[in-house]
All heavy atoms as atom14 arrays in JSON, in Angstrom:
{
  "sequence": "QFKEAFAAHIKEAVESFGPDLIICHHLYLLTALVRDMFP",
  "atom14_mask": [
    [1, 1, 1, 1, 1, 1, 1, 1, 1, 0, 0, 0, 0, 0],
    [1, 1, 1, 1, 1, 1, 1, 1, 1, 1, 1, 0, 0, 0],
    [1, 1, 1, 1, 1, 1, 1, 1, 1, 0, 0, 0, 0, 0],
    [1, 1, 1, 1, 1, 1, 1, 1, 1, 0, 0, 0, 0, 0],
    [1, 1, 1, 1, 1, 0, 0, 0, 0, 0, 0, 0, 0, 0],
    [1, 1, 1, 1, 1, 1, 1, 1, 1, 1, 1, 0, 0, 0],
    [1, 1, 1, 1, 1, 0, 0, 0, 0, 0, 0, 0, 0, 0],
    [1, 1, 1, 1, 1, 0, 0, 0, 0, 0, 0, 0, 0, 0],
    [1, 1, 1, 1, 1, 1, 1, 1, 1, 1, 0, 0, 0, 0],
    [1, 1, 1, 1, 1, 1, 1, 1, 0, 0, 0, 0, 0, 0],
    [1, 1, 1, 1, 1, 1, 1, 1, 1, 0, 0, 0, 0, 0],
    [1, 1, 1, 1, 1, 1, 1, 1, 1, 0, 0, 0, 0, 0],
    [1, 1, 1, 1, 1, 0, 0, 0, 0, 0, 0, 0, 0, 0],
    [1, 1, 1, 1, 1, 1, 1, 0, 0, 0, 0, 0, 0, 0],
    [1, 1, 1, 1, 1, 1, 1, 1, 1, 0, 0, 0, 0, 0],
    [1, 1, 1, 1, 1, 1, 0, 0, 0, 0, 0, 0, 0, 0],
    [1, 1, 1, 1, 1, 1, 1, 1, 1, 1, 1, 0, 0, 0],
    [1, 1, 1, 1, 0, 0, 0, 0, 0, 0, 0, 0, 0, 0],
    [1, 1, 1, 1, 1, 1, 1, 0, 0, 0, 0, 0, 0, 0],
    [1, 1, 1, 1, 1, 1, 1, 1, 0, 0, 0, 0, 0, 0],
    [1, 1, 1, 1, 1, 1, 1, 1, 0, 0, 0, 0, 0, 0],
    [1, 1, 1, 1, 1, 1, 1, 1, 0, 0, 0, 0, 0, 0],
    [1, 1, 1, 1, 1, 1, 1, 1, 0, 0, 0, 0, 0, 0],
    [1, 1, 1, 1, 1, 1, 0, 0, 0, 0, 0, 0, 0, 0],
    [1, 1, 1, 1, 1, 1, 1, 1, 1, 1, 0, 0, 0, 0],
    [1, 1, 1, 1, 1, 1, 1, 1, 1, 1, 0, 0, 0, 0],
    [1, 1, 1, 1, 1, 1, 1, 1, 0, 0, 0, 0, 0, 0],
    [1, 1, 1, 1, 1, 1, 1, 1, 1, 1, 1, 1, 0, 0],
    [1, 1, 1, 1, 1, 1, 1, 1, 0, 0, 0, 0, 0, 0],
    [1, 1, 1, 1, 1, 1, 1, 1, 0, 0, 0, 0, 0, 0],
    [1, 1, 1, 1, 1, 1, 1, 0, 0, 0, 0, 0, 0, 0],
    [1, 1, 1, 1, 1, 0, 0, 0, 0, 0, 0, 0, 0, 0],
    [1, 1, 1, 1, 1, 1, 1, 1, 0, 0, 0, 0, 0, 0],
    [1, 1, 1, 1, 1, 1, 1, 0, 0, 0, 0, 0, 0, 0],
    [1, 1, 1, 1, 1, 1, 1, 1, 1, 1, 1, 0, 0, 0],
    [1, 1, 1, 1, 1, 1, 1, 1, 0, 0, 0, 0, 0, 0],
    [1, 1, 1, 1, 1, 1, 1, 1, 0, 0, 0, 0, 0, 0],
    [1, 1, 1, 1, 1, 1, 1, 1, 1, 1, 1, 0, 0, 0],
    [1, 1, 1, 1, 1, 1, 1, 0, 0, 0, 0, 0, 0, 0]
  ],
  "atom14_positions": [
    [[6.25, -1.58, 13.33], [6.16, -2.93, 12.78], [5.0, -3.04, 11.79], [5.14, -3.68, 10.73], [5.98, -3.94, 13.92], [7.19, -4.09, 14.82], [6.89, -4.91, 16.06], [5.8, -4.82, 16.63], [7.86, -5.71, 16.49], [0.0, 0.0, 0.0], [0.0, 0.0, 0.0], [0.0, 0.0, 0.0], [0.0, 0.0, 0.0], [0.0, 0.0, 0.0]],
    [[3.88, -2.43, 12.13], [2.71, -2.43, 11.24], [3.07, -1.8, 9.89], [2.82, -2.38, 8.83], [1.58, -1.66, 11.92], [0.31, -1.51, 11.12], [-0.75, -2.38, 11.31], [0.17, -0.49, 10.18], [-1.93, -2.24, 10.58], [-1.0, -0.33, 9.45], [-2.05, -1.21, 9.65], [0.0, 0.0, 0.0], [0.0, 0.0, 0.0], [0.0, 0.0, 0.0]],
    [[3.65, -0.61, 9.94], [3.99, 0.09, 8.7], [5.0, -0.69, 7.86], [4.84, -0.83, 6.64], [4.56, 1.48, 9.02], [3.54, 2.51, 9.47], [4.22, 3.86, 9.64], [3.24, 4.98, 9.88], [3.91, 6.29, 10.01], [0.0, 0.0, 0.0], [0.0, 0.0, 0.0], [0.0, 0.0, 0.0], [0.0, 0.0, 0.0], [0.0, 0.0, 0.0]],
    [[6.04, -1.2, 8.51], [7.08, -1.9, 7.76], [6.56, -3.19, 7.13], [6.9, -3.51, 5.99], [8.28, -2.19, 8.67], [9.07, -0.93, 9.03], [10.32, -1.25, 9.83], [10.55, -2.45, 10.14], [11.08, -0.31, 10.13], [0.0, 0.0, 0.0], [0.0, 0.0, 0.0], [0.0, 0.0, 0.0], [0.0, 0.0, 0.0], [0.0, 0.0, 0.0]],
    [[5.76, -3.93, 7.86], [5.23, -5.19, 7.33], [4.31, -4.95, 6.14], [4.46, -5.57, 5.08], [4.49, -5.96, 8.43], [0.0, 0.0, 0.0], [0.0, 0.0, 0.0], [0.0, 0.0, 0.0], [0.0, 0.0, 0.0], [0.0, 0.0, 0.0], [0.0, 0.0, 0.0], [0.0, 0.0, 0.0], [0.0, 0.0, 0.0], [0.0, 0.0, 0.0]],
    [[3.36, -4.04, 6.31], [2.44, -3.78, 5.21], [3.16, -3.14, 4.03], [2.88, -3.47, 2.86], [1.28, -2.91, 5.67], [0.12, -3.7, 6.21], [-0.03, -3.88, 7.57], [-0.81, -4.28, 5.36], [-1.09, -4.63, 8.08], [-1.87, -5.02, 5.84], [-2.01, -5.2, 7.21], [0.0, 0.0, 0.0], [0.0, 0.0, 0.0], [0.0, 0.0, 0.0]],
    [[4.1, -2.25, 4.29], [4.84, -1.61, 3.2], [5.57, -2.66, 2.36], [5.55, -2.61, 1.12], [5.82, -0.59, 3.75], [0.0, 0.0, 0.0], [0.0, 0.0, 0.0], [0.0, 0.0, 0.0], [0.0, 0.0, 0.0], [0.0, 0.0, 0.0], [0.0, 0.0, 0.0], [0.0, 0.0, 0.0], [0.0, 0.0, 0.0], [0.0, 0.0, 0.0]],
    [[6.2, -3.63, 3.01], [6.96, -4.65, 2.29], [6.04, -5.5, 1.41], [6.35, -5.76, 0.23], [7.7, -5.54, 3.28], [0.0, 0.0, 0.0], [0.0, 0.0, 0.0], [0.0, 0.0, 0.0], [0.0, 0.0, 0.0], [0.0, 0.0, 0.0], [0.0, 0.0, 0.0], [0.0, 0.0, 0.0], [0.0, 0.0, 0.0], [0.0, 0.0, 0.0]],
    [[4.91, -5.92, 1.95], [4.01, -6.79, 1.19], [3.26, -6.03, 0.1], [3.0, -6.58, -0.98], [3.04, -7.49, 2.13], [3.7, -8.5, 3.01], [3.99, -9.78, 2.59], [4.17, -8.42, 4.29], [4.58, -10.45, 3.56], [4.71, -9.65, 4.6], [0.0, 0.0, 0.0], [0.0, 0.0, 0.0], [0.0, 0.0, 0.0], [0.0, 0.0, 0.0]],
    [[2.91, -4.79, 0.36], [2.22, -4.0, -0.67], [3.19, -3.64, -1.79], [2.83, -3.66, -2.97], [1.59, -2.75, -0.04], [0.44, -3.16, 0.89], [1.07, -1.8, -1.12], [-0.11, -2.03, 1.74], [0.0, 0.0, 0.0], [0.0, 0.0, 0.0], [0.0, 0.0, 0.0], [0.0, 0.0, 0.0], [0.0, 0.0, 0.0], [0.0, 0.0, 0.0]],
    [[4.43, -3.35, -1.44], [5.46, -3.1, -2.46], [5.61, -4.32, -3.36], [5.67, -4.2, -4.6], [6.79, -2.76, -1.79], [7.94, -2.48, -2.75], [9.18, -2.07, -1.96], [10.35, -1.74, -2.88], [10.9, -2.93, -3.55], [0.0, 0.0, 0.0], [0.0, 0.0, 0.0], [0.0, 0.0, 0.0], [0.0, 0.0, 0.0], [0.0, 0.0, 0.0]],
    [[5.64, -5.5, -2.74], [5.72, -6.73, -3.52], [4.51, -6.88, -4.44], [4.65, -7.24, -5.62], [5.79, -7.93, -2.57], [5.79, -9.27, -3.29], [5.57, -10.45, -2.35], [5.42, -10.24, -1.13], [5.5, -11.59, -2.85], [0.0, 0.0, 0.0], [0.0, 0.0, 0.0], [0.0, 0.0, 0.0], [0.0, 0.0, 0.0], [0.0, 0.0, 0.0]],
    [[3.32, -6.6, -3.93], [2.1, -6.73, -4.74], [2.12, -5.77, -5.91], [1.77, -6.14, -7.04], [0.88, -6.49, -3.86], [0.0, 0.0, 0.0], [0.0, 0.0, 0.0], [0.0, 0.0, 0.0], [0.0, 0.0, 0.0], [0.0, 0.0, 0.0], [0.0, 0.0, 0.0], [0.0, 0.0, 0.0], [0.0, 0.0, 0.0], [0.0, 0.0, 0.0]],
    [[2.51, -4.53, -5.66], [2.52, -3.53, -6.73], [3.56, -3.88, -7.79], [3.3, -3.8, -9.0], [2.78, -2.13, -6.14], [3.07, -1.11, -7.24], [1.58, -1.67, -5.31], [0.0, 0.0, 0.0], [0.0, 0.0, 0.0], [0.0, 0.0, 0.0], [0.0, 0.0, 0.0], [0.0, 0.0, 0.0], [0.0, 0.0, 0.0], [0.0, 0.0, 0.0]],
    [[4.74, -4.3, -7.37], [5.79, -4.63, -8.33], [5.44, -5.89, -9.13], [5.72, -5.97, -10.33], [7.11, -4.83, -7.6], [7.69, -3.53, -7.04], [8.99, -3.76, -6.3], [9.29, -4.92, -5.95], [9.71, -2.77, -6.05], [0.0, 0.0, 0.0], [0.0, 0.0, 0.0], [0.0, 0.0, 0.0], [0.0, 0.0, 0.0], [0.0, 0.0, 0.0]],
    [[4.81, -6.86, -8.49], [4.48, -8.11, -9.16], [3.22, -8.0, -10.01], [3.18, -8.47, -11.15], [4.3, -9.22, -8.11], [3.86, -10.41, -8.7], [0.0, 0.0, 0.0], [0.0, 0.0, 0.0], [0.0, 0.0, 0.0], [0.0, 0.0, 0.0], [0.0, 0.0, 0.0], [0.0, 0.0, 0.0], [0.0, 0.0, 0.0], [0.0, 0.0, 0.0]],
    [[2.2, -7.36, -9.45], [0.89, -7.32, -10.1], [0.75, -6.13, -11.05], [0.09, -6.22, -12.09], [-0.2, -7.29, -9.03], [-1.6, -7.23, -9.57], [-2.14, -8.3, -10.26], [-2.38, -6.1, -9.39], [-3.44, -8.26, -10.75], [-3.68, -6.03, -9.88], [-4.2, -7.11, -10.57], [0.0, 0.0, 0.0], [0.0, 0.0, 0.0], [0.0, 0.0, 0.0]],
    [[1.35, -5.0, -10.71], [1.28, -3.81, -11.57], [-0.11, -3.25, -11.73], [-0.65, -3.21, -12.84], [0.0, 0.0, 0.0], [0.0, 0.0, 0.0], [0.0, 0.0, 0.0], [0.0, 0.0, 0.0], [0.0, 0.0, 0.0], [0.0, 0.0, 0.0], [0.0, 0.0, 0.0], [0.0, 0.0, 0.0], [0.0, 0.0, 0.0], [0.0, 0.0, 0.0]],
    [[-0.76, -2.81, -10.64], [-2.15, -2.34, -10.74], [-2.29, -1.02, -11.47], [-1.42, -0.14, -11.4], [-2.55, -2.19, -9.26], [-1.27, -1.86, -8.56], [-0.23, -2.68, -9.26], [0.0, 0.0, 0.0], [0.0, 0.0, 0.0], [0.0, 0.0, 0.0], [0.0, 0.0, 0.0], [0.0, 0.0, 0.0], [0.0, 0.0, 0.0], [0.0, 0.0, 0.0]],
    [[-3.4, -0.88, -12.17], [-3.79, 0.42, -12.73], [-4.45, 1.28, -11.65], [-4.39, 2.51, -11.72], [-4.79, 0.23, -13.88], [-4.22, -0.63, -14.99], [-3.14, -0.29, -15.5], [-4.85, -1.65, -15.34], [0.0, 0.0, 0.0], [0.0, 0.0, 0.0], [0.0, 0.0, 0.0], [0.0, 0.0, 0.0], [0.0, 0.0, 0.0], [0.0, 0.0, 0.0]],
    [[-5.09, 0.61, -10.7], [-5.83, 1.31, -9.66], [-5.65, 0.57, -8.33], [-5.73, -0.65, -8.29], [-7.32, 1.37, -10.02], [-8.29, 1.9, -8.96], [-8.01, 3.37, -8.66], [-9.74, 1.72, -9.42], [0.0, 0.0, 0.0], [0.0, 0.0, 0.0], [0.0, 0.0, 0.0], [0.0, 0.0, 0.0], [0.0, 0.0, 0.0], [0.0, 0.0, 0.0]],
    [[-5.42, 1.34, -7.26], [-5.35, 0.78, -5.92], [-6.55, 1.29, -5.13], [-6.79, 2.5, -5.06], [-4.05, 1.18, -5.2], [-2.82, 0.69, -5.98], [-4.02, 0.63, -3.78], [-1.49, 1.17, -5.41], [0.0, 0.0, 0.0], [0.0, 0.0, 0.0], [0.0, 0.0, 0.0], [0.0, 0.0, 0.0], [0.0, 0.0, 0.0], [0.0, 0.0, 0.0]],
    [[-7.33, 0.36, -4.57], [-8.5, 0.72, -3.77], [-8.23, 0.32, -2.32], [-8.05, -0.87, -2.03], [-9.78, 0.02, -4.28], [-10.08, 0.43, -5.72], [-10.96, 0.34, -3.37], [-11.28, -0.29, -6.32], [0.0, 0.0, 0.0], [0.0, 0.0, 0.0], [0.0, 0.0, 0.0], [0.0, 0.0, 0.0], [0.0, 0.0, 0.0], [0.0, 0.0, 0.0]],
    [[-8.2, 1.3, -1.43], [-7.96, 1.04, -0.01], [-9.27, 1.19, 0.77], [-10.05, 2.1, 0.51], [-6.93, 2.03, 0.54], [-5.3, 1.87, -0.21], [0.0, 0.0, 0.0], [0.0, 0.0, 0.0], [0.0, 0.0, 0.0], [0.0, 0.0, 0.0], [0.0, 0.0, 0.0], [0.0, 0.0, 0.0], [0.0, 0.0, 0.0], [0.0, 0.0, 0.0]],
    [[-9.44, 0.32, 1.74], [-10.65, 0.36, 2.57], [-10.32, 0.88, 3.96], [-9.39, 0.39, 4.61], [-11.29, -1.03, 2.63], [-11.91, -1.42, 1.33], [-13.27, -1.26, 1.07], [-11.36, -1.91, 0.19], [-13.51, -1.66, -0.17], [-12.38, -2.07, -0.72], [0.0, 0.0, 0.0], [0.0, 0.0, 0.0], [0.0, 0.0, 0.0], [0.0, 0.0, 0.0]],
    [[-11.08, 1.88, 4.38], [-10.93, 2.67, 5.6], [-9.97, 3.85, 5.37], [-8.86, 3.65, 4.89], [-10.44, 1.85, 6.8], [-11.37, 0.76, 7.18], [-11.05, -0.57, 7.02], [-12.61, 0.79, 7.71], [-12.06, -1.31, 7.44], [-13.03, -0.51, 7.86], [0.0, 0.0, 0.0], [0.0, 0.0, 0.0], [0.0, 0.0, 0.0], [0.0, 0.0, 0.0]],
    [[-10.42, 5.01, 5.71], [-9.61, 6.22, 5.58], [-8.77, 6.37, 6.85], [-8.94, 7.28, 7.65], [-10.52, 7.45, 5.39], [-11.54, 7.36, 4.26], [-12.36, 8.64, 4.18], [-10.86, 7.08, 2.92], [0.0, 0.0, 0.0], [0.0, 0.0, 0.0], [0.0, 0.0, 0.0], [0.0, 0.0, 0.0], [0.0, 0.0, 0.0], [0.0, 0.0, 0.0]],
    [[-7.81, 5.42, 6.98], [-7.05, 5.42, 8.21], [-5.57, 5.11, 7.93], [-5.08, 5.41, 6.84], [-7.68, 4.45, 9.22], [-7.34, 4.79, 10.64], [-7.61, 6.05, 11.17], [-6.71, 3.87, 11.48], [-7.29, 6.37, 12.48], [-6.38, 4.18, 12.8], [-6.67, 5.44, 13.28], [-6.34, 5.77, 14.57], [0.0, 0.0, 0.0], [0.0, 0.0, 0.0]],
    [[-4.89, 4.52, 8.88], [-3.43, 4.44, 8.85], [-2.9, 3.74, 7.6], [-1.96, 4.24, 6.96], [-2.94, 3.72, 10.11], [-1.42, 3.58, 10.27], [-0.74, 4.94, 10.28], [-1.09, 2.8, 11.54], [0.0, 0.0, 0.0], [0.0, 0.0, 0.0], [0.0, 0.0, 0.0], [0.0, 0.0, 0.0], [0.0, 0.0, 0.0], [0.0, 0.0, 0.0]],
    [[-3.46, 2.59, 7.23], [-2.93, 1.85, 6.09], [-3.16, 2.6, 4.78], [-2.28, 2.64, 3.92], [-3.54, 0.45, 6.02], [-2.99, -0.44, 4.91], [-1.47, -0.56, 4.98], [-3.64, -1.82, 4.95], [0.0, 0.0, 0.0], [0.0, 0.0, 0.0], [0.0, 0.0, 0.0], [0.0, 0.0, 0.0], [0.0, 0.0, 0.0], [0.0, 0.0, 0.0]],
    [[-4.34, 3.18, 4.63], [-4.61, 3.96, 3.41], [-3.65, 5.14, 3.31], [-3.15, 5.46, 2.22], [-6.07, 4.45, 3.41], [-6.93, 3.31, 3.41], [-6.37, 5.32, 2.2], [0.0, 0.0, 0.0], [0.0, 0.0, 0.0], [0.0, 0.0, 0.0], [0.0, 0.0, 0.0], [0.0, 0.0, 0.0], [0.0, 0.0, 0.0], [0.0, 0.0, 0.0]],
    [[-3.38, 5.8, 4.43], [-2.42, 6.91, 4.44], [-1.03, 6.41, 4.04], [-0.31, 7.08, 3.28], [-2.38, 7.55, 5.82], [0.0, 0.0, 0.0], [0.0, 0.0, 0.0], [0.0, 0.0, 0.0], [0.0, 0.0, 0.0], [0.0, 0.0, 0.0], [0.0, 0.0, 0.0], [0.0, 0.0, 0.0], [0.0, 0.0, 0.0], [0.0, 0.0, 0.0]],
    [[-0.65, 5.24, 4.54], [0.65, 4.66, 4.2], [0.74, 4.39, 2.7], [1.76, 4.71, 2.06], [0.84, 3.36, 4.98], [2.1, 2.54, 4.66], [3.35, 3.29, 5.05], [2.03, 1.18, 5.36], [0.0, 0.0, 0.0], [0.0, 0.0, 0.0], [0.0, 0.0, 0.0], [0.0, 0.0, 0.0], [0.0, 0.0, 0.0], [0.0, 0.0, 0.0]],
    [[-0.31, 3.82, 2.13], [-0.31, 3.51, 0.69], [-0.2, 4.78, -0.14], [0.57, 4.85, -1.1], [-1.58, 2.72, 0.31], [-1.69, 2.55, -1.2], [-1.58, 1.35, 1.0], [0.0, 0.0, 0.0], [0.0, 0.0, 0.0], [0.0, 0.0, 0.0], [0.0, 0.0, 0.0], [0.0, 0.0, 0.0], [0.0, 0.0, 0.0], [0.0, 0.0, 0.0]],
    [[-0.96, 5.81, 0.23], [-0.88, 7.07, -0.51], [0.53, 7.65, -0.44], [1.05, 8.17, -1.44], [-1.89, 8.06, 0.08], [-1.84, 9.47, -0.49], [-2.39, 9.6, -1.9], [-1.56, 8.99, -2.95], [-1.92, 8.91, -4.22], [-3.08, 9.38, -4.63], [-1.1, 8.35, -5.1], [0.0, 0.0, 0.0], [0.0, 0.0, 0.0], [0.0, 0.0, 0.0]],
    [[1.15, 7.56, 0.74], [2.49, 8.1, 0.92], [3.52, 7.31, 0.12], [4.46, 7.88, -0.44], [2.84, 8.05, 2.42], [4.06, 8.91, 2.76], [4.25, 9.94, 2.09], [4.78, 8.55, 3.7], [0.0, 0.0, 0.0], [0.0, 0.0, 0.0], [0.0, 0.0, 0.0], [0.0, 0.0, 0.0], [0.0, 0.0, 0.0], [0.0, 0.0, 0.0]],
    [[3.33, 5.99, 0.03], [4.26, 5.14, -0.7], [4.19, 5.33, -2.21], [5.21, 5.25, -2.9], [3.97, 3.67, -0.4], [4.41, 3.18, 0.96], [4.01, 1.43, 1.18], [5.05, 0.66, -0.07], [0.0, 0.0, 0.0], [0.0, 0.0, 0.0], [0.0, 0.0, 0.0], [0.0, 0.0, 0.0], [0.0, 0.0, 0.0], [0.0, 0.0, 0.0]],
    [[2.98, 5.57, -2.72], [2.78, 5.61, -4.16], [2.14, 6.93, -4.58], [0.97, 6.97, -4.98], [1.89, 4.43, -4.6], [2.42, 3.09, -4.16], [1.83, 2.41, -3.11], [3.52, 2.53, -4.78], [2.31, 1.19, -2.69], [4.02, 1.3, -4.37], [3.42, 0.63, -3.32], [0.0, 0.0, 0.0], [0.0, 0.0, 0.0], [0.0, 0.0, 0.0]],
    [[2.9, 8.01, -4.51], [2.33, 9.33, -4.79], [1.91, 9.53, -6.24], [1.12, 10.42, -6.54], [3.46, 10.29, -4.4], [4.71, 9.48, -4.54], [4.33, 8.09, -4.12], [0.0, 0.0, 0.0], [0.0, 0.0, 0.0], [0.0, 0.0, 0.0], [0.0, 0.0, 0.0], [0.0, 0.0, 0.0], [0.0, 0.0, 0.0], [0.0, 0.0, 0.0]]
  ]
}
């Protein structure tokens, strides 16, 4: 549930906002998920 919820909202943010740079805080589960989603 954690992965699916954050993946959906981060996907929305990336598609809507179009960042040049993504900064994740904590070298843990969510940061790993973001790296995996946006290689």
